PDB file of N, CA and C in Angstrom:
ATOM      1  N   MET A   1     -48.613   3.083 -35.517  1.00  0.00           N
ATOM      2  CA  MET A   1     -49.541   3.729 -34.459  1.00  0.00           C
ATOM      3  C   MET A   1     -49.337   3.444 -33.151  1.00  0.00           C
ATOM      4  N   GLU A   2     -49.286   4.206 -32.688  1.00  0.00           N
ATOM      5  CA  GLU A   2     -49.401   4.806 -30.958  1.00  0.00           C
ATOM      6  C   GLU A   2     -50.625   5.043 -29.996  1.00  0.00           C
ATOM      7  N   LEU A   3     -50.991   4.718 -28.820  1.00  0.00           N
ATOM      8  CA  LEU A   3     -51.951   4.621 -28.145  1.00  0.00           C
ATOM      9  C   LEU A   3     -51.255   5.199 -27.150  1.00  0.00           C
ATOM     10  N   VAL A   4     -51.350   6.079 -26.111  1.00  0.00           N
ATOM     11  CA  VAL A   4     -50.979   6.349 -24.497  1.00  0.00           C
ATOM     12  C   VAL A   4     -51.997   6.821 -24.134  1.00  0.00           C
ATOM     13  N   ILE A   5     -51.878   6.643 -22.791  1.00  0.00           N
ATOM     14  CA  ILE A   5     -53.143   7.471 -22.164  1.00  0.00           C
ATOM     15  C   ILE A   5     -52.431   7.177 -20.637  1.00  0.00           C
ATOM     16  N   TRP A   6     -52.975   8.352 -19.960  1.00  0.00           N
ATOM     17  CA  TRP A   6     -52.572   8.479 -18.556  1.00  0.00           C
ATOM     18  C   TRP A   6     -53.691   8.850 -17.659  1.00  0.00           C
ATOM     19  N   ARG A   7     -53.739   8.529 -16.785  1.00  0.00           N
ATOM     20  CA  ARG A   7     -55.017   8.922 -15.498  1.00  0.00           C
ATOM     21  C   ARG A   7     -54.358   9.813 -14.775  1.00  0.00           C
ATOM     22  N   VAL A   8     -55.326  10.950 -14.872  1.00  0.00           N
ATOM     23  CA  VAL A   8     -54.891  12.072 -14.209  1.00  0.00           C
ATOM     24  C   VAL A   8     -55.356  12.495 -12.927  1.00  0.00           C
ATOM     25  N   PRO A   9     -55.229  13.055 -12.072  1.00  0.00           N
ATOM     26  CA  PRO A   9     -56.098  13.759 -10.657  1.00  0.00           C
ATOM     27  C   PRO A   9     -57.398  14.661 -11.150  1.00  0.00           C
ATOM     28  N   THR A  10     -56.697  15.514 -12.005  1.00  0.00           N
ATOM     29  CA  THR A  10     -58.085  16.213 -12.132  1.00  0.00           C
ATOM     30  C   THR A  10     -58.054  16.391 -13.388  1.00  0.00           C
ATOM     31  N   PRO A  11     -58.808  16.861 -14.452  1.00  0.00           N
ATOM     32  CA  PRO A  11     -59.198  17.087 -15.812  1.00  0.00           C
ATOM     33  C   PRO A  11     -58.151  18.298 -16.304  1.00  0.00           C
ATOM     34  N   VAL A  12     -57.425  17.620 -17.725  1.00  0.00           N
ATOM     35  CA  VAL A  12     -56.720  18.656 -18.190  1.00  0.00           C
ATOM     36  C   VAL A  12     -57.316  19.583 -18.611  1.00  0.00           C
ATOM     37  N   ARG A  13     -57.100  20.894 -18.716  1.00  0.00           N
ATOM     38  CA  ARG A  13     -57.532  22.250 -18.981  1.00  0.00           C
ATOM     39  C   ARG A  13     -58.150  22.003 -20.530  1.00  0.00           C
ATOM     40  N   GLY A  14     -59.490  22.258 -20.357  1.00  0.00           N
ATOM     41  CA  GLY A  14     -60.160  22.526 -21.552  1.00  0.00           C
ATOM     42  C   GLY A  14     -61.158  20.846 -22.023  1.00  0.00           C
ATOM     43  N   SER A  15     -60.836  20.055 -20.678  1.00  0.00           N
ATOM     44  CA  SER A  15     -61.089  18.531 -21.238  1.00  0.00           C
ATOM     45  C   SER A  15     -62.333  18.643 -19.483  1.00  0.00           C
ATOM     46  N   LYS A  16     -63.160  17.817 -19.737  1.00  0.00           N
ATOM     47  CA  LYS A  16     -64.104  17.331 -18.606  1.00  0.00           C
ATOM     48  C   LYS A  16     -64.044  15.999 -17.453  1.00  0.00           C
ATOM     49  N   HIS A  17     -62.638  15.155 -18.320  1.00  0.00           N
ATOM     50  CA  HIS A  17     -62.669  13.858 -17.585  1.00  0.00           C
ATOM     51  C   HIS A  17     -61.365  13.967 -17.292  1.00  0.00           C
ATOM     52  N   THR A  18     -60.701  12.701 -16.367  1.00  0.00           N
ATOM     53  CA  THR A  18     -59.938  12.692 -15.762  1.00  0.00           C
ATOM     54  C   THR A  18     -58.369  11.785 -16.679  1.00  0.00           C
ATOM     55  N   TYR A  19     -58.401  11.920 -18.159  1.00  0.00           N
ATOM     56  CA  TYR A  19     -57.756  11.179 -18.656  1.00  0.00           C
ATOM     57  C   TYR A  19     -56.679  12.607 -19.415  1.00  0.00           C
ATOM     58  N   LYS A  20     -55.798  11.827 -19.873  1.00  0.00           N
ATOM     59  CA  LYS A  20     -54.573  12.767 -20.599  1.00  0.00           C
ATOM     60  C   LYS A  20     -54.224  11.855 -21.643  1.00  0.00           C
ATOM     61  N   TYR A  21     -54.538  12.372 -23.010  1.00  0.00           N
ATOM     62  CA  TYR A  21     -54.244  10.736 -23.932  1.00  0.00           C
ATOM     63  C   TYR A  21     -53.478  11.674 -25.553  1.00  0.00           C
ATOM     64  N   ARG A  22     -52.883  10.739 -26.377  1.00  0.00           N
ATOM     65  CA  ARG A  22     -52.295  11.064 -27.377  1.00  0.00           C
ATOM     66  C   ARG A  22     -52.241   9.585 -28.300  1.00  0.00           C
ATOM     67  N   PHE A  23     -52.563   9.428 -29.213  1.00  0.00           N
ATOM     68  CA  PHE A  23     -53.084   8.697 -29.713  1.00  0.00           C
ATOM     69  C   PHE A  23     -52.593   8.885 -31.749  1.00  0.00           C
ATOM     70  N   ALA A  24     -51.729   8.154 -32.322  1.00  0.00           N
ATOM     71  CA  ALA A  24     -51.048   8.813 -33.661  1.00  0.00           C
ATOM     72  C   ALA A  24     -51.005   7.756 -34.268  1.00  0.00           C
ATOM     73  N   LEU A  25     -51.333   7.695 -35.672  1.00  0.00           N
ATOM     74  CA  LEU A  25     -50.997   6.971 -36.854  1.00  0.00           C
ATOM     75  C   LEU A  25     -49.950   8.082 -37.546  1.00  0.00           C
ATOM     76  N   VAL A  26     -48.940   7.398 -37.859  1.00  0.00           N
ATOM     77  CA  VAL A  26     -47.421   7.821 -38.436  1.00  0.00           C
ATOM     78  C   VAL A  26     -47.300   7.087 -39.596  1.00  0.00           C
ATOM     79  N   GLU A  27     -47.513   7.368 -41.067  1.00  0.00           N
ATOM     80  CA  GLU A  27     -47.363   6.949 -42.034  1.00  0.00           C
ATOM     81  C   GLU A  27     -46.131   7.529 -42.774  1.00  0.00           C
ATOM     82  N   ASN A  28     -45.232   6.849 -43.327  1.00  0.00           N
ATOM     83  CA  ASN A  28     -43.931   7.183 -43.985  1.00  0.00           C
ATOM     84  C   ASN A  28     -43.132   8.585 -43.455  1.00  0.00           C
ATOM     85  N   ASP A  29     -43.287   8.394 -42.058  1.00  0.00           N
ATOM     86  CA  ASP A  29     -42.820   9.176 -41.122  1.00  0.00           C
ATOM     87  C   ASP A  29     -43.715  10.524 -41.320  1.00  0.00           C
ATOM     88  N   VAL A  30     -44.635  10.732 -41.259  1.00  0.00           N
ATOM     89  CA  VAL A  30     -45.581  11.798 -41.183  1.00  0.00           C
ATOM     90  C   VAL A  30     -46.796  11.561 -40.085  1.00  0.00           C
ATOM     91  N   CYS A  31     -47.262  12.253 -39.289  1.00  0.00           N
ATOM     92  CA  CYS A  31     -48.304  11.617 -38.161  1.00  0.00           C
ATOM     93  C   CYS A  31     -49.740  12.186 -39.512  1.00  0.00           C
ATOM     94  N   THR A  32     -50.078  11.497 -39.691  1.00  0.00           N
ATOM     95  CA  THR A  32     -51.408  12.182 -40.493  1.00  0.00           C
ATOM     96  C   THR A  32     -52.964  11.759 -40.057  1.00  0.00           C
ATOM     97  N   LEU A  33     -52.718  11.101 -38.343  1.00  0.00           N
ATOM     98  CA  LEU A  33     -53.815  10.873 -37.843  1.00  0.00           C
ATOM     99  C   LEU A  33     -53.785  11.091 -36.441  1.00  0.00           C
ATOM    100  N   ARG A  34     -53.821  12.177 -35.626  1.00  0.00           N
ATOM    101  CA  ARG A  34     -53.643  12.424 -34.251  1.00  0.00           C
ATOM    102  C   ARG A  34     -54.814  12.740 -33.376  1.00  0.00           C
ATOM    103  N   TYR A  35     -55.122  11.934 -32.252  1.00  0.00           N
ATOM    104  CA  TYR A  35     -56.617  12.437 -31.359  1.00  0.00           C
ATOM    105  C   TYR A  35     -55.610  12.482 -29.972  1.00  0.00           C
ATOM    106  N   ASP A  36     -55.947  13.923 -29.190  1.00  0.00           N
ATOM    107  CA  ASP A  36     -55.210  13.997 -28.144  1.00  0.00           C
ATOM    108  C   ASP A  36     -55.889  15.320 -27.194  1.00  0.00           C
ATOM    109  N   ASN A  37     -55.764  16.058 -26.533  1.00  0.00           N
ATOM    110  CA  ASN A  37     -56.487  16.403 -25.909  1.00  0.00           C
ATOM    111  C   ASN A  37     -55.115  17.679 -24.655  1.00  0.00           C
ATOM    112  N   GLU A  38     -54.694  18.156 -25.468  1.00  0.00           N
ATOM    113  CA  GLU A  38     -53.400  19.564 -25.088  1.00  0.00           C
ATOM    114  C   GLU A  38     -53.997  20.493 -24.073  1.00  0.00           C
ATOM    115  N   ALA A  39     -53.400  20.415 -23.388  1.00  0.00           N
ATOM    116  CA  ALA A  39     -53.849  21.677 -22.448  1.00  0.00           C
ATOM    117  C   ALA A  39     -54.065  22.791 -23.236  1.00  0.00           C
ATOM    118  N   GLY A  40     -55.529  23.326 -22.662  1.00  0.00           N
ATOM    119  CA  GLY A  40     -56.168  24.314 -22.944  1.00  0.00           C
ATOM    120  C   GLY A  40     -56.845  24.349 -24.363  1.00  0.00           C
ATOM    121  N   LYS A  41     -56.598  23.027 -25.097  1.00  0.00           N
ATOM    122  CA  LYS A  41     -57.682  23.010 -26.583  1.00  0.00           C
ATOM    123  C   LYS A  41     -58.584  21.864 -26.373  1.00  0.00           C
ATOM    124  N   GLY A  42     -58.465  21.009 -25.137  1.00  0.00           N
ATOM    125  CA  GLY A  42     -59.494  20.405 -25.139  1.00  0.00           C
ATOM    126  C   GLY A  42     -59.354  19.296 -25.898  1.00  0.00           C
ATOM    127  N   ASP A  43     -60.332  18.204 -25.841  1.00  0.00           N
ATOM    128  CA  ASP A  43     -60.210  16.930 -27.071  1.00  0.00           C
ATOM    129  C   ASP A  43     -60.350  17.020 -28.640  1.00  0.00           C
ATOM    130  N   HIS A  44     -59.423  17.029 -29.030  1.00  0.00           N
ATOM    131  CA  HIS A  44     -59.308  16.885 -30.563  1.00  0.00           C
ATOM    132  C   HIS A  44     -58.556  16.152 -31.505  1.00  0.00           C
ATOM    133  N   ARG A  45     -58.676  16.531 -32.672  1.00  0.00           N
ATOM    134  CA  ARG A  45     -58.360  15.427 -33.512  1.00  0.00           C
ATOM    135  C   ARG A  45     -57.837  16.129 -34.775  1.00  0.00           C
ATOM    136  N   HIS A  46     -56.434  15.708 -35.175  1.00  0.00           N
ATOM    137  CA  HIS A  46     -55.768  16.480 -36.486  1.00  0.00           C
ATOM    138  C   HIS A  46     -55.987  14.996 -37.481  1.00  0.00           C
ATOM    139  N   ILE A  47     -56.162  15.651 -38.798  1.00  0.00           N
ATOM    140  CA  ILE A  47     -56.355  14.783 -40.168  1.00  0.00           C
ATOM    141  C   ILE A  47     -55.508  15.516 -40.976  1.00  0.00           C
ATOM    142  N   ASP A  48     -54.518  14.821 -41.452  1.00  0.00           N
ATOM    143  CA  ASP A  48     -53.753  15.632 -42.365  1.00  0.00           C
ATOM    144  C   ASP A  48     -53.544  16.864 -42.295  1.00  0.00           C
ATOM    145  N   GLY A  49     -53.303  16.837 -41.408  1.00  0.00           N
ATOM    146  CA  GLY A  49     -53.051  18.697 -40.895  1.00  0.00           C
ATOM    147  C   GLY A  49     -54.105  19.487 -40.597  1.00  0.00           C
ATOM    148  N   GLN A  50     -55.056  18.903 -40.560  1.00  0.00           N
ATOM    149  CA  GLN A  50     -56.288  19.668 -40.422  1.00  0.00           C
ATOM    150  C   GLN A  50     -57.140  19.541 -38.781  1.00  0.00           C
ATOM    151  N   GLU A  51     -57.296  20.623 -38.358  1.00  0.00           N
ATOM    152  CA  GLU A  51     -57.443  20.048 -36.776  1.00  0.00           C
ATOM    153  C   GLU A  51     -59.246  20.376 -36.496  1.00  0.00           C
ATOM    154  N   PHE A  52     -60.105  19.477 -35.930  1.00  0.00           N
ATOM    155  CA  PHE A  52     -61.500  19.242 -35.849  1.00  0.00           C
ATOM    156  C   PHE A  52     -61.669  18.712 -34.505  1.00  0.00           C
ATOM    157  N   ALA A  53     -62.615  19.636 -33.811  1.00  0.00           N
ATOM    158  CA  ALA A  53     -63.071  18.800 -32.397  1.00  0.00           C
ATOM    159  C   ALA A  53     -63.758  17.546 -32.346  1.00  0.00           C
ATOM    160  N   TYR A  54     -63.201  17.314 -31.207  1.00  0.00           N
ATOM    161  CA  TYR A  54     -63.675  15.917 -30.686  1.00  0.00           C
ATOM    162  C   TYR A  54     -64.650  15.913 -29.469  1.00  0.00           C
ATOM    163  N   GLU A  55     -65.499  14.981 -29.441  1.00  0.00           N
ATOM    164  CA  GLU A  55     -66.745  14.953 -28.620  1.00  0.00           C
ATOM    165  C   GLU A  55     -66.217  13.657 -27.642  1.00  0.00           C
ATOM    166  N   PHE A  56     -65.604  13.918 -26.640  1.00  0.00           N
ATOM    167  CA  PHE A  56     -65.019  12.836 -25.869  1.00  0.00           C
ATOM    168  C   PHE A  56     -66.671  12.228 -25.353  1.00  0.00           C
ATOM    169  N   VAL A  57     -66.781  10.957 -25.223  1.00  0.00           N
ATOM    170  CA  VAL A  57     -67.906   9.931 -24.624  1.00  0.00           C
ATOM    171  C   VAL A  57     -67.561   9.617 -23.572  1.00  0.00           C
ATOM    172  N   ASP A  58     -66.369   8.662 -23.399  1.00  0.00           N
ATOM    173  CA  ASP A  58     -65.937   7.724 -22.795  1.00  0.00           C
ATOM    174  C   ASP A  58     -64.261   6.572 -23.495  1.00  0.00           C
ATOM    175  N   MET A  59     -63.616   6.277 -22.417  1.00  0.00           N
ATOM    176  CA  MET A  59     -62.692   5.691 -23.691  1.00  0.00           C
ATOM    177  C   MET A  59     -62.456   4.795 -23.995  1.00  0.00           C
ATOM    178  N   ASP A  60     -63.427   4.037 -23.886  1.00  0.00           N
ATOM    179  CA  ASP A  60     -63.586   2.713 -24.856  1.00  0.00           C
ATOM    180  C   ASP A  60     -64.121   3.779 -26.308  1.00  0.00           C
ATOM    181  N   THR A  61     -65.179   4.260 -25.961  1.00  0.00           N
ATOM    182  CA  THR A  61     -65.560   4.959 -27.599  1.00  0.00           C
ATOM    183  C   THR A  61     -64.899   5.902 -28.209  1.00  0.00           C
ATOM    184  N   LEU A  62     -63.551   6.359 -27.492  1.00  0.00           N
ATOM    185  CA  LEU A  62     -62.360   7.335 -27.965  1.00  0.00           C
ATOM    186  C   LEU A  62     -61.342   6.301 -28.686  1.00  0.00           C
ATOM    187  N   ILE A  63     -61.118   4.979 -27.965  1.00  0.00           N
ATOM    188  CA  ILE A  63     -60.182   4.026 -28.745  1.00  0.00           C
ATOM    189  C   ILE A  63     -60.780   3.496 -29.831  1.00  0.00           C
ATOM    190  N   ALA A  64     -62.182   3.140 -29.818  1.00  0.00           N
ATOM    191  CA  ALA A  64     -62.799   2.607 -31.115  1.00  0.00           C
ATOM    192  C   ALA A  64     -63.036   3.582 -32.359  1.00  0.00           C
ATOM    193  N   ASP A  65     -62.983   4.772 -31.936  1.00  0.00           N
ATOM    194  CA  ASP A  65     -63.430   6.196 -32.961  1.00  0.00           C
ATOM    195  C   ASP A  65     -61.959   6.075 -34.014  1.00  0.00           C
ATOM    196  N   PHE A  66     -60.763   5.812 -32.912  1.00  0.00           N
ATOM    197  CA  PHE A  66     -59.212   6.429 -33.704  1.00  0.00           C
ATOM    198  C   PHE A  66     -59.015   5.131 -34.069  1.00  0.00           C
ATOM    199  N   ARG A  67     -59.565   3.402 -33.798  1.00  0.00           N
ATOM    200  CA  ARG A  67     -59.137   2.414 -34.581  1.00  0.00           C
ATOM    201  C   ARG A  67     -59.926   2.334 -35.889  1.00  0.00           C
ATOM    202  N   VAL A  68     -61.653   2.874 -35.772  1.00  0.00           N
ATOM    203  CA  VAL A  68     -62.311   2.893 -37.263  1.00  0.00           C
ATOM    204  C   VAL A  68     -61.567   4.105 -38.221  1.00  0.00           C
ATOM    205  N   GLU A  69     -60.914   4.839 -38.173  1.00  0.00           N
ATOM    206  CA  GLU A  69     -60.257   5.807 -38.672  1.00  0.00           C
ATOM    207  C   GLU A  69     -59.167   5.149 -38.977  1.00  0.00           C
ATOM    208  N   VAL A  70     -58.498   4.739 -38.515  1.00  0.00           N
ATOM    209  CA  VAL A  70     -57.101   4.252 -38.502  1.00  0.00           C
ATOM    210  C   VAL A  70     -57.385   2.962 -39.528  1.00  0.00           C
ATOM    211  N   GLY A  71     -58.636   1.813 -39.755  1.00  0.00           N
ATOM    212  CA  GLY A  71     -58.455   1.434 -40.433  1.00  0.00           C
ATOM    213  C   GLY A  71     -59.447   1.451 -41.609  1.00  0.00           C
ATOM    214  N   ALA A  72     -59.642   2.444 -41.986  1.00  0.00           N
ATOM    215  CA  ALA A  72     -60.309   3.586 -42.596  1.00  0.00           C
ATOM    216  C   ALA A  72     -59.335   4.049 -43.593  1.00  0.00           C
ATOM    217  N   ARG A  73     -57.628   4.699 -43.361  1.00  0.00           N
ATOM    218  CA  ARG A  73     -56.824   5.031 -44.089  1.00  0.00           C
ATOM    219  C   ARG A  73     -56.292   3.813 -44.059  1.00  0.00           C
ATOM    220  N   ARG A  74     -56.104   2.639 -43.553  1.00  0.00           N
ATOM    221  CA  ARG A  74     -55.349   1.519 -44.072  1.00  0.00           C
ATOM    222  C   ARG A  74     -55.867   0.847 -45.357  1.00  0.00           C
ATOM    223  N   GLN A  75     -57.394   1.108 -45.692  1.00  0.00           N
ATOM    224  CA  GLN A  75     -57.876   0.039 -46.984  1.00  0.00           C
ATOM    225  C   GLN A  75     -57.667   1.372 -48.093  1.00  0.00           C
ATOM    226  N   LYS A  76     -57.394   2.550 -47.732  1.00  0.00           N
ATOM    227  CA  LYS A  76     -57.098   3.425 -48.673  1.00  0.00           C
ATOM    228  C   LYS A  76     -55.920   3.166 -49.630  1.00  0.00           C
TER     229      LYS A  76
END
């Protein structure tokens, strides 16, 4: 599991907040879960190869949401 967060001076294109982030869970050398906000796409998440929109509330909520999904995957 890796969490990378940058504070940026202006929002990344597609986002409304001043964070750039990449959270990833890699299992058996495959990224199975990722939250990020790459330029132009805005806030979203990747789950088992599918992409879904993510509504950013604040950084604490983002981290908590990611950790909940990681925990659920680890229990399987």
